[in-house]
């Protein structure tokens, strides 16, 4: 992954979960990082972890804001390029999980799910592309196995991730002529706090993680670092002939059919 050293990488949703783990992994690879998120305290902690990993303080830029807001997206990209002078990689990681079936979800629930998980990816990709064309950079979108397979009680979430997958493929075709690659990772159950933020109690979450041993053929849930390494691969020159790919990092869960 030496090709990533000193590359300017913008990571959304970097204050927790996969985003935080990816920021730390990229810091160890020597990237220059632009980190954005809504939780200022958590983001500061991630910055400290990156510094502890050996990345110089002046190689980390933070900007707070919600990707739901178009003006925030514009500010995030503009300030990143102003600080570093370029942009090499965009990692569209920010996302939420809104649980519920078609009967229980409200229209407002559905709209918020799509705004955060899909609309923001469209906007940030559009804003970043002029800068990525100059560097022949890449984009990695963080999707989900739920975009590949259907599950109960996550209708809006699964639909949003299926949309991210197809947006990845379509924008990859649009951008290939400029040498810009666009790919996605599709994690299975990864040990993060996204499910608790979606409303799971500690007991429910513990039971959910335990079930992962049977729902994932490899017999366990995934770790953030395993997804971060896949993201780094797709962002780097190691995957220079790969675009429009949706890479499952799910312990084989996408291969399983219910009986």
C-alpha atoms as a PDB file:
ATOM      1  CA  UNK A   1       0.000   0.000   0.000  1.00  0.00           C
ATOM      2  CA  UNK A   2       3.008   2.318  -0.386  1.00  0.00           C
ATOM      3  CA  UNK A   3       1.167   4.120  -3.213  1.00  0.00           C
ATOM      4  CA  UNK A   4      -1.111   5.717  -0.610  1.00  0.00           C
ATOM      5  CA  UNK A   5       1.695   7.497   1.243  1.00  0.00           C
ATOM      6  CA  UNK A   6       1.103  11.274   1.258  1.00  0.00           C
ATOM      7  CA  UNK A   7      -2.140  10.904  -0.712  1.00  0.00           C
ATOM      8  CA  UNK A   8      -4.887  13.276   0.457  1.00  0.00           C
ATOM      9  CA  UNK A   9      -7.809  11.154   1.616  1.00  0.00           C
ATOM     10  CA  UNK A  10     -11.173  12.563   2.681  1.00  0.00           C
ATOM     11  CA  UNK A  11     -13.098  10.240   5.021  1.00  0.00           C
ATOM     12  CA  UNK A  12     -16.707  11.015   5.928  1.00  0.00           C
ATOM     13  CA  UNK A  13     -18.259   9.633   9.084  1.00  0.00           C
ATOM     14  CA  UNK A  14     -14.767   9.402  10.575  1.00  0.00           C
ATOM     15  CA  UNK A  15     -15.831   9.912  14.186  1.00  0.00           C
ATOM     16  CA  UNK A  16     -16.825   6.291  14.826  1.00  0.00           C
ATOM     17  CA  UNK A  17     -17.004   2.736  13.535  1.00  0.00           C
ATOM     18  CA  UNK A  18     -15.621   1.877  10.114  1.00  0.00           C
ATOM     19  CA  UNK A  19     -14.768   5.522   9.403  1.00  0.00           C
ATOM     20  CA  UNK A  20     -12.656   5.854  12.539  1.00  0.00           C
ATOM     21  CA  UNK A  21     -10.932   2.532  11.921  1.00  0.00           C
ATOM     22  CA  UNK A  22     -10.226   3.477   8.321  1.00  0.00           C
ATOM     23  CA  UNK A  23      -8.746   6.819   9.375  1.00  0.00           C
ATOM     24  CA  UNK A  24      -6.392   5.065  11.784  1.00  0.00           C
ATOM     25  CA  UNK A  25      -5.343   2.472   9.196  1.00  0.00           C
ATOM     26  CA  UNK A  26      -4.660   5.174   6.604  1.00  0.00           C
ATOM     27  CA  UNK A  27      -2.689   7.176   9.162  1.00  0.00           C
ATOM     28  CA  UNK A  28      -0.396   4.175   9.616  1.00  0.00           C
ATOM     29  CA  UNK A  29       0.062   4.109   5.822  1.00  0.00           C
ATOM     30  CA  UNK A  30       1.182   7.744   5.846  1.00  0.00           C
ATOM     31  CA  UNK A  31      -1.812   9.352   4.155  1.00  0.00           C
ATOM     32  CA  UNK A  32      -2.711  12.996   4.610  1.00  0.00           C
ATOM     33  CA  UNK A  33      -6.180  12.898   6.131  1.00  0.00           C
ATOM     34  CA  UNK A  34      -9.252  15.103   5.957  1.00  0.00           C
ATOM     35  CA  UNK A  35     -11.657  13.749   8.541  1.00  0.00           C
ATOM     36  CA  UNK A  36     -15.254  14.823   8.886  1.00  0.00           C
ATOM     37  CA  UNK A  37     -18.076  13.850  11.210  1.00  0.00           C
ATOM     38  CA  UNK A  38     -20.839  15.187  13.414  1.00  0.00           C
ATOM     39  CA  UNK A  39     -19.417  14.233  16.833  1.00  0.00           C
ATOM     40  CA  UNK A  40     -16.653  16.700  17.639  1.00  0.00           C
ATOM     41  CA  UNK A  41     -15.464  14.917  20.778  1.00  0.00           C
ATOM     42  CA  UNK A  42     -15.209  11.537  19.050  1.00  0.00           C
ATOM     43  CA  UNK A  43     -13.470  13.062  16.040  1.00  0.00           C
ATOM     44  CA  UNK A  44     -10.848  14.670  18.274  1.00  0.00           C
ATOM     45  CA  UNK A  45     -10.211  11.247  19.819  1.00  0.00           C
ATOM     46  CA  UNK A  46      -9.715   9.737  16.352  1.00  0.00           C
ATOM     47  CA  UNK A  47      -7.271  12.519  15.468  1.00  0.00           C
ATOM     48  CA  UNK A  48      -5.296  11.738  18.628  1.00  0.00           C
ATOM     49  CA  UNK A  49      -5.176   8.053  17.698  1.00  0.00           C
ATOM     50  CA  UNK A  50      -3.850   8.981  14.248  1.00  0.00           C
ATOM     51  CA  UNK A  51      -1.172  11.170  15.809  1.00  0.00           C
ATOM     52  CA  UNK A  52      -0.261   8.387  18.234  1.00  0.00           C
ATOM     53  CA  UNK A  53       0.141   6.112  15.204  1.00  0.00           C
ATOM     54  CA  UNK A  54       2.854   8.449  13.922  1.00  0.00           C
ATOM     55  CA  UNK A  55       1.026  10.827  11.569  1.00  0.00           C
ATOM     56  CA  UNK A  56       2.157  14.445  11.928  1.00  0.00           C
ATOM     57  CA  UNK A  57      -0.440  16.853  13.255  1.00  0.00           C
ATOM     58  CA  UNK A  58      -0.243  19.071  10.169  1.00  0.00           C
ATOM     59  CA  UNK A  59      -1.197  16.101   8.001  1.00  0.00           C
ATOM     60  CA  UNK A  60      -4.619  15.825   9.664  1.00  0.00           C
ATOM     61  CA  UNK A  61      -7.404  18.256   8.838  1.00  0.00           C
ATOM     62  CA  UNK A  62     -10.815  18.106  10.490  1.00  0.00           C
ATOM     63  CA  UNK A  63     -14.059  19.683   9.411  1.00  0.00           C
ATOM     64  CA  UNK A  64     -17.349  19.217  11.219  1.00  0.00           C
ATOM     65  CA  UNK A  65     -20.686  18.938   9.467  1.00  0.00           C
ATOM     66  CA  UNK A  66     -23.573  16.706   8.466  1.00  0.00           C
ATOM     67  CA  UNK A  67     -23.565  15.117   5.025  1.00  0.00           C
ATOM     68  CA  UNK A  68     -27.356  15.481   5.011  1.00  0.00           C
ATOM     69  CA  UNK A  69     -26.799  19.159   4.283  1.00  0.00           C
ATOM     70  CA  UNK A  70     -25.617  20.082   0.790  1.00  0.00           C
ATOM     71  CA  UNK A  71     -23.892  23.255   1.968  1.00  0.00           C
ATOM     72  CA  UNK A  72     -21.934  21.204   4.518  1.00  0.00           C
ATOM     73  CA  UNK A  73     -20.821  18.824   1.765  1.00  0.00           C
ATOM     74  CA  UNK A  74     -19.658  21.783  -0.320  1.00  0.00           C
ATOM     75  CA  UNK A  75     -17.739  23.210   2.635  1.00  0.00           C
ATOM     76  CA  UNK A  76     -16.135  19.839   3.457  1.00  0.00           C
ATOM     77  CA  UNK A  77     -14.700  19.439  -0.051  1.00  0.00           C
ATOM     78  CA  UNK A  78     -13.745  23.098  -0.489  1.00  0.00           C
ATOM     79  CA  UNK A  79     -11.922  23.347   2.844  1.00  0.00           C
ATOM     80  CA  UNK A  80     -10.120  20.040   2.295  1.00  0.00           C
ATOM     81  CA  UNK A  81      -8.760  21.174  -1.068  1.00  0.00           C
ATOM     82  CA  UNK A  82      -7.914  24.624   0.342  1.00  0.00           C
ATOM     83  CA  UNK A  83      -5.900  23.044   3.186  1.00  0.00           C
ATOM     84  CA  UNK A  84      -4.052  20.373   1.218  1.00  0.00           C
ATOM     85  CA  UNK A  85      -4.149  21.834  -2.296  1.00  0.00           C
ATOM     86  CA  UNK A  86      -5.525  18.639  -3.830  1.00  0.00           C
ATOM     87  CA  UNK A  87      -7.701  15.577  -3.301  1.00  0.00           C
ATOM     88  CA  UNK A  88      -6.641  12.032  -4.180  1.00  0.00           C
ATOM     89  CA  UNK A  89      -9.236   9.786  -2.527  1.00  0.00           C
ATOM     90  CA  UNK A  90     -12.808  10.197  -1.298  1.00  0.00           C
ATOM     91  CA  UNK A  91     -14.191   7.608   1.095  1.00  0.00           C
ATOM     92  CA  UNK A  92     -17.962   7.946   1.367  1.00  0.00           C
ATOM     93  CA  UNK A  93     -18.426   6.193   4.687  1.00  0.00           C
ATOM     94  CA  UNK A  94     -20.992   8.312   6.546  1.00  0.00           C
ATOM     95  CA  UNK A  95     -24.252   6.447   7.018  1.00  0.00           C
ATOM     96  CA  UNK A  96     -27.058   5.564   9.389  1.00  0.00           C
ATOM     97  CA  UNK A  97     -29.263   2.541   9.925  1.00  0.00           C
ATOM     98  CA  UNK A  98     -32.998   3.130  10.207  1.00  0.00           C
ATOM     99  CA  UNK A  99     -34.695  -0.117  11.186  1.00  0.00           C
ATOM    100  CA  UNK A 100     -38.234  -1.110  10.357  1.00  0.00           C
ATOM    101  CA  UNK A 101     -40.459  -2.932   7.897  1.00  0.00           C
ATOM    102  CA  UNK A 102     -42.622  -1.386   5.198  1.00  0.00           C
ATOM    103  CA  UNK A 103     -45.458  -1.341   7.746  1.00  0.00           C
ATOM    104  CA  UNK A 104     -43.570   0.462  10.501  1.00  0.00           C
ATOM    105  CA  UNK A 105     -41.330   2.839   8.537  1.00  0.00           C
ATOM    106  CA  UNK A 106     -42.620   6.354   8.019  1.00  0.00           C
ATOM    107  CA  UNK A 107     -42.014   8.370   4.872  1.00  0.00           C
ATOM    108  CA  UNK A 108     -39.807  10.644   6.984  1.00  0.00           C
ATOM    109  CA  UNK A 109     -37.744   7.624   8.085  1.00  0.00           C
ATOM    110  CA  UNK A 110     -37.276   6.559   4.478  1.00  0.00           C
ATOM    111  CA  UNK A 111     -36.325  10.052   3.318  1.00  0.00           C
ATOM    112  CA  UNK A 112     -33.729  10.484   6.070  1.00  0.00           C
ATOM    113  CA  UNK A 113     -32.246   7.072   5.327  1.00  0.00           C
ATOM    114  CA  UNK A 114     -31.891   7.882   1.645  1.00  0.00           C
ATOM    115  CA  UNK A 115     -30.622  11.419   2.266  1.00  0.00           C
ATOM    116  CA  UNK A 116     -27.777  10.284   4.507  1.00  0.00           C
ATOM    117  CA  UNK A 117     -26.828   7.045   2.770  1.00  0.00           C
ATOM    118  CA  UNK A 118     -27.409   7.856  -0.910  1.00  0.00           C
ATOM    119  CA  UNK A 119     -27.958  11.546  -1.582  1.00  0.00           C
ATOM    120  CA  UNK A 120     -24.765  12.490   0.265  1.00  0.00           C
ATOM    121  CA  UNK A 121     -22.757   9.993  -1.798  1.00  0.00           C
ATOM    122  CA  UNK A 122     -24.116  11.531  -4.994  1.00  0.00           C
ATOM    123  CA  UNK A 123     -23.388  15.091  -3.850  1.00  0.00           C
ATOM    124  CA  UNK A 124     -19.879  14.417  -2.527  1.00  0.00           C
ATOM    125  CA  UNK A 125     -18.947  12.375  -5.591  1.00  0.00           C
ATOM    126  CA  UNK A 126     -20.109  15.210  -7.838  1.00  0.00           C
ATOM    127  CA  UNK A 127     -18.185  17.790  -5.802  1.00  0.00           C
ATOM    128  CA  UNK A 128     -15.007  15.729  -5.550  1.00  0.00           C
ATOM    129  CA  UNK A 129     -14.806  14.616  -9.180  1.00  0.00           C
ATOM    130  CA  UNK A 130     -13.248  17.819 -10.626  1.00  0.00           C
ATOM    131  CA  UNK A 131     -10.408  17.491  -8.096  1.00  0.00           C
ATOM    132  CA  UNK A 132     -10.020  13.734  -8.553  1.00  0.00           C
ATOM    133  CA  UNK A 133      -9.758  14.174 -12.328  1.00  0.00           C
ATOM    134  CA  UNK A 134      -6.613  16.258 -11.739  1.00  0.00           C
ATOM    135  CA  UNK A 135      -4.977  13.537  -9.608  1.00  0.00           C
ATOM    136  CA  UNK A 136      -6.512  10.511 -11.347  1.00  0.00           C
ATOM    137  CA  UNK A 137      -7.798   9.587  -7.921  1.00  0.00           C
ATOM    138  CA  UNK A 138     -10.361   7.155  -6.628  1.00  0.00           C
ATOM    139  CA  UNK A 139     -13.543   6.869  -4.594  1.00  0.00           C
ATOM    140  CA  UNK A 140     -14.532   4.095  -2.216  1.00  0.00           C
ATOM    141  CA  UNK A 141     -18.159   3.929  -1.082  1.00  0.00           C
ATOM    142  CA  UNK A 142     -19.053   2.012   2.062  1.00  0.00           C
ATOM    143  CA  UNK A 143     -22.123  -0.056   1.281  1.00  0.00           C
ATOM    144  CA  UNK A 144     -23.366  -3.253   2.983  1.00  0.00           C
ATOM    145  CA  UNK A 145     -24.181  -6.894   2.391  1.00  0.00           C
ATOM    146  CA  UNK A 146     -27.759  -5.609   2.778  1.00  0.00           C
ATOM    147  CA  UNK A 147     -27.319  -4.000  -0.622  1.00  0.00           C
ATOM    148  CA  UNK A 148     -26.666  -7.454  -2.088  1.00  0.00           C
ATOM    149  CA  UNK A 149     -29.108  -9.600  -0.102  1.00  0.00           C
ATOM    150  CA  UNK A 150     -32.516  -8.883   1.424  1.00  0.00           C
ATOM    151  CA  UNK A 151     -33.170  -8.998   5.170  1.00  0.00           C
ATOM    152  CA  UNK A 152     -36.251  -8.413   7.289  1.00  0.00           C
ATOM    153  CA  UNK A 153     -36.902  -5.154   9.140  1.00  0.00           C
ATOM    154  CA  UNK A 154     -34.284  -3.080   7.313  1.00  0.00           C
ATOM    155  CA  UNK A 155     -36.247  -2.188   4.173  1.00  0.00           C
ATOM    156  CA  UNK A 156     -35.075   1.427   3.952  1.00  0.00           C
ATOM    157  CA  UNK A 157     -31.482   0.653   4.889  1.00  0.00           C
ATOM    158  CA  UNK A 158     -31.158  -2.239   2.443  1.00  0.00           C
ATOM    159  CA  UNK A 159     -32.731  -0.166  -0.334  1.00  0.00           C
ATOM    160  CA  UNK A 160     -30.295   2.672   0.341  1.00  0.00           C
ATOM    161  CA  UNK A 161     -27.302   0.345   0.126  1.00  0.00           C
ATOM    162  CA  UNK A 162     -28.564  -1.276  -3.079  1.00  0.00           C
ATOM    163  CA  UNK A 163     -28.777   2.249  -4.469  1.00  0.00           C
ATOM    164  CA  UNK A 164     -25.191   2.940  -3.376  1.00  0.00           C
ATOM    165  CA  UNK A 165     -24.040  -0.204  -5.194  1.00  0.00           C
ATOM    166  CA  UNK A 166     -25.649   0.809  -8.455  1.00  0.00           C
ATOM    167  CA  UNK A 167     -24.570   4.424  -8.071  1.00  0.00           C
ATOM    168  CA  UNK A 168     -21.029   3.059  -7.670  1.00  0.00           C
ATOM    169  CA  UNK A 169     -21.262   1.120 -10.919  1.00  0.00           C
ATOM    170  CA  UNK A 170     -22.842   3.950 -12.904  1.00  0.00           C
ATOM    171  CA  UNK A 171     -20.481   6.660 -11.684  1.00  0.00           C
ATOM    172  CA  UNK A 172     -17.530   4.313 -12.294  1.00  0.00           C
ATOM    173  CA  UNK A 173     -18.546   4.177 -15.949  1.00  0.00           C
ATOM    174  CA  UNK A 174     -18.990   7.950 -16.088  1.00  0.00           C
ATOM    175  CA  UNK A 175     -15.569   8.570 -14.534  1.00  0.00           C
ATOM    176  CA  UNK A 176     -13.439   5.904 -16.218  1.00  0.00           C
ATOM    177  CA  UNK A 177     -12.612   8.211 -19.131  1.00  0.00           C
ATOM    178  CA  UNK A 178     -10.794  10.484 -16.662  1.00  0.00           C
ATOM    179  CA  UNK A 179      -8.811   7.702 -15.027  1.00  0.00           C
ATOM    180  CA  UNK A 180     -10.878   8.009 -11.850  1.00  0.00           C
ATOM    181  CA  UNK A 181     -11.858   4.686 -10.275  1.00  0.00           C
ATOM    182  CA  UNK A 182     -14.971   4.219  -8.130  1.00  0.00           C
ATOM    183  CA  UNK A 183     -15.587   1.082  -6.065  1.00  0.00           C
ATOM    184  CA  UNK A 184     -17.473  -0.009  -2.958  1.00  0.00           C
ATOM    185  CA  UNK A 185     -17.071  -2.363  -0.026  1.00  0.00           C
ATOM    186  CA  UNK A 186     -20.033  -4.347   1.275  1.00  0.00           C
ATOM    187  CA  UNK A 187     -19.431  -5.336   4.900  1.00  0.00           C
ATOM    188  CA  UNK A 188     -21.427  -7.938   6.777  1.00  0.00           C
ATOM    189  CA  UNK A 189     -22.003  -7.546  10.511  1.00  0.00           C
ATOM    190  CA  UNK A 190     -19.036  -5.563  11.819  1.00  0.00           C
ATOM    191  CA  UNK A 191     -18.500  -4.824  15.501  1.00  0.00           C
ATOM    192  CA  UNK A 192     -19.324  -1.091  15.685  1.00  0.00           C
ATOM    193  CA  UNK A 193     -21.920   1.036  17.463  1.00  0.00           C
ATOM    194  CA  UNK A 194     -24.195   1.600  14.439  1.00  0.00           C
ATOM    195  CA  UNK A 195     -26.795  -0.897  15.640  1.00  0.00           C
ATOM    196  CA  UNK A 196     -26.952   0.676  19.096  1.00  0.00           C
ATOM    197  CA  UNK A 197     -27.344   4.087  17.507  1.00  0.00           C
ATOM    198  CA  UNK A 198     -30.242   2.587  15.553  1.00  0.00           C
ATOM    199  CA  UNK A 199     -31.963   1.716  18.831  1.00  0.00           C
ATOM    200  CA  UNK A 200     -30.716  -1.729  19.922  1.00  0.00           C
ATOM    201  CA  UNK A 201     -30.324  -2.221  23.666  1.00  0.00           C
ATOM    202  CA  UNK A 202     -27.096  -3.676  25.060  1.00  0.00           C
ATOM    203  CA  UNK A 203     -28.834  -7.039  25.503  1.00  0.00           C
ATOM    204  CA  UNK A 204     -30.271  -7.028  21.977  1.00  0.00           C
ATOM    205  CA  UNK A 205     -26.906  -6.084  20.517  1.00  0.00           C
ATOM    206  CA  UNK A 206     -25.088  -8.835  22.411  1.00  0.00           C
ATOM    207  CA  UNK A 207     -27.600 -11.379  21.096  1.00  0.00           C
ATOM    208  CA  UNK A 208     -27.254  -9.934  17.563  1.00  0.00           C
ATOM    209  CA  UNK A 209     -23.465 -10.283  17.645  1.00  0.00           C
ATOM    210  CA  UNK A 210     -23.790 -13.822  18.990  1.00  0.00           C
ATOM    211  CA  UNK A 211     -26.081 -14.752  16.080  1.00  0.00           C
ATOM    212  CA  UNK A 212     -23.368 -13.616  13.674  1.00  0.00           C
ATOM    213  CA  UNK A 213     -21.513 -16.832  14.467  1.00  0.00           C
ATOM    214  CA  UNK A 214     -24.268 -18.748  12.695  1.00  0.00           C
ATOM    215  CA  UNK A 215     -25.311 -16.217  10.028  1.00  0.00           C
ATOM    216  CA  UNK A 216     -21.735 -15.757   8.744  1.00  0.00           C
ATOM    217  CA  UNK A 217     -20.058 -18.885   7.320  1.00  0.00           C
ATOM    218  CA  UNK A 218     -16.702 -17.907   8.839  1.00  0.00           C
ATOM    219  CA  UNK A 219     -18.395 -18.169  12.217  1.00  0.00           C
ATOM    220  CA  UNK A 220     -17.976 -14.664  13.607  1.00  0.00           C
ATOM    221  CA  UNK A 221     -18.730 -10.990  13.001  1.00  0.00           C
ATOM    222  CA  UNK A 222     -16.113  -8.866  11.284  1.00  0.00           C
ATOM    223  CA  UNK A 223     -13.762  -6.305  12.770  1.00  0.00           C
ATOM    224  CA  UNK A 224     -13.401  -2.700  11.644  1.00  0.00           C
ATOM    225  CA  UNK A 225      -9.759  -3.253  10.686  1.00  0.00           C
ATOM    226  CA  UNK A 226     -10.756  -5.923   8.168  1.00  0.00           C
ATOM    227  CA  UNK A 227     -13.003  -3.485   6.324  1.00  0.00           C
ATOM    228  CA  UNK A 228     -10.424  -0.695   6.576  1.00  0.00           C
ATOM    229  CA  UNK A 229      -7.827  -2.867   4.827  1.00  0.00           C
ATOM    230  CA  UNK A 230     -10.254  -3.597   1.977  1.00  0.00           C
ATOM    231  CA  UNK A 231     -11.001   0.112   1.626  1.00  0.00           C
ATOM    232  CA  UNK A 232      -7.286   0.899   1.501  1.00  0.00           C
ATOM    233  CA  UNK A 233      -6.781  -1.732  -1.197  1.00  0.00           C
ATOM    234  CA  UNK A 234      -9.509  -0.266  -3.402  1.00  0.00           C
ATOM    235  CA  UNK A 235      -8.199   3.255  -2.813  1.00  0.00           C
ATOM    236  CA  UNK A 236      -4.617   2.360  -3.687  1.00  0.00           C
ATOM    237  CA  UNK A 237      -2.767   1.622  -6.896  1.00  0.00           C
ATOM    238  CA  UNK A 238      -2.797  -2.047  -5.859  1.00  0.00           C
ATOM    239  CA  UNK A 239      -6.284  -2.127  -7.444  1.00  0.00           C
ATOM    240  CA  UNK A 240      -5.358   0.041 -10.441  1.00  0.00           C
ATOM    241  CA  UNK A 241      -7.366  -2.074 -12.925  1.00  0.00           C
ATOM    242  CA  UNK A 242     -10.474  -2.329 -10.734  1.00  0.00           C
ATOM    243  CA  UNK A 243     -13.477  -0.026 -11.034  1.00  0.00           C
ATOM    244  CA  UNK A 244     -17.224  -0.447 -10.612  1.00  0.00           C
ATOM    245  CA  UNK A 245     -16.577  -3.271  -8.125  1.00  0.00           C
ATOM    246  CA  UNK A 246     -18.654  -4.016  -5.028  1.00  0.00           C
ATOM    247  CA  UNK A 247     -16.399  -6.058  -2.764  1.00  0.00           C
ATOM    248  CA  UNK A 248     -18.102  -8.101  -0.059  1.00  0.00           C
ATOM    249  CA  UNK A 249     -16.235  -8.187   3.249  1.00  0.00           C
ATOM    250  CA  UNK A 250     -18.789 -10.243   5.099  1.00  0.00           C
ATOM    251  CA  UNK A 251     -17.407 -13.596   6.173  1.00  0.00           C
ATOM    252  CA  UNK A 252     -19.342 -15.201   3.346  1.00  0.00           C
ATOM    253  CA  UNK A 253     -22.756 -13.993   4.482  1.00  0.00           C
ATOM    254  CA  UNK A 254     -23.821 -13.013   0.958  1.00  0.00           C
ATOM    255  CA  UNK A 255     -23.463 -16.660  -0.102  1.00  0.00           C
ATOM    256  CA  UNK A 256     -26.005 -17.930   2.419  1.00  0.00           C
ATOM    257  CA  UNK A 257     -29.622 -18.667   1.461  1.00  0.00           C
ATOM    258  CA  UNK A 258     -32.290 -19.107   4.128  1.00  0.00           C
ATOM    259  CA  UNK A 259     -34.017 -22.496   4.235  1.00  0.00           C
END
